[in-house]
Protein backbone atom coordinates (compact mmCIF):
# COMPACT_ATOMS: atom_id res chain seq x y z
CA MET A 1 10.09 35.01 9.59
CA PRO A 2 9.98 37.60 6.84
CA ASP A 3 6.50 38.71 5.94
CA ARG A 4 6.65 37.29 2.42
CA GLY A 5 7.88 34.07 0.91
CA ARG A 6 7.33 30.40 0.26
CA TYR A 7 7.63 28.12 3.27
CA LEU A 8 7.61 24.42 3.98
CA VAL A 9 5.67 24.05 7.24
CA LEU A 10 5.73 20.94 9.41
CA ALA A 11 2.88 20.66 11.92
CA ILE A 12 3.02 17.81 14.46
CA SER A 13 0.06 16.97 16.69
CA ASN A 14 0.80 16.70 20.38
CA GLN A 15 -2.36 14.64 20.98
CA LYS A 16 -3.30 12.67 17.84
CA LEU A 17 -1.34 9.52 17.13
CA LEU A 18 -0.83 7.58 13.92
CA ARG A 19 -2.37 4.13 13.73
CA SER A 20 1.02 2.87 12.56
CA VAL A 21 4.41 4.48 11.91
CA GLU A 22 4.08 3.00 8.44
CA GLU A 23 1.65 5.89 7.75
CA ILE A 24 4.66 8.21 7.58
CA LYS A 25 5.18 8.92 3.90
CA THR A 26 8.66 8.47 2.47
CA ALA A 27 8.11 11.57 0.31
CA ASP A 28 7.44 13.63 3.45
CA LEU A 29 10.62 12.36 5.10
CA LEU A 30 12.59 13.29 1.98
CA GLN A 31 11.13 16.82 2.06
CA ILE A 32 11.80 17.53 5.73
CA GLY A 33 14.97 15.44 6.05
CA PRO A 34 17.34 18.27 5.04
CA TYR A 35 16.05 20.38 7.94
CA PHE A 36 16.14 17.79 10.74
CA ASN A 37 18.84 15.25 11.63
CA THR A 38 16.37 12.50 12.48
CA ALA A 39 13.07 13.40 10.83
CA ALA A 40 11.45 10.02 11.51
CA ASP A 41 12.32 10.26 15.21
CA LEU A 42 10.95 13.80 15.30
CA LEU A 43 7.58 12.60 13.99
CA GLY A 44 7.54 9.51 16.16
CA ASN A 45 4.04 8.07 16.11
CA HIS A 46 2.25 11.44 16.01
CA GLN A 47 -0.03 12.65 13.24
CA TYR A 48 1.60 15.36 11.17
CA GLN A 49 1.10 17.50 8.10
CA VAL A 50 3.66 18.89 5.68
CA LEU A 51 2.33 22.09 4.09
CA HIS A 52 3.68 24.29 1.32
CA GLU A 53 2.56 27.84 2.14
CA GLN A 54 2.91 31.20 0.42
CA ILE A 55 3.07 33.87 3.13
CA ARG A 56 2.07 37.44 2.30
CA GLY A 57 2.06 39.65 5.37
CA ASP A 58 0.42 38.74 8.68
CA ARG A 59 -1.21 35.35 8.50
CA GLU A 60 -2.23 32.75 11.02
CA LEU A 61 -1.99 29.12 9.98
CA SER A 62 -4.61 26.78 11.35
CA VAL A 63 -3.96 23.05 11.20
CA THR A 64 -6.57 20.48 12.14
CA PHE A 65 -5.82 16.82 12.80
CA GLU A 66 -8.67 14.38 12.31
């Protein structure tokens, strides 16, 4: 990606699961829906985070799932 800009970042845990798929927020699906054909299927029952990030040069994103 370019070294500067605003990004919508979707992080999906490969280990942590949601207690219920009802925890998936409709607002999150509306945000990521334009980028994925089946956003709900992509998330499945895994914990996830939707982040709005401003990137300025080299930066490592660290996402922790509780």
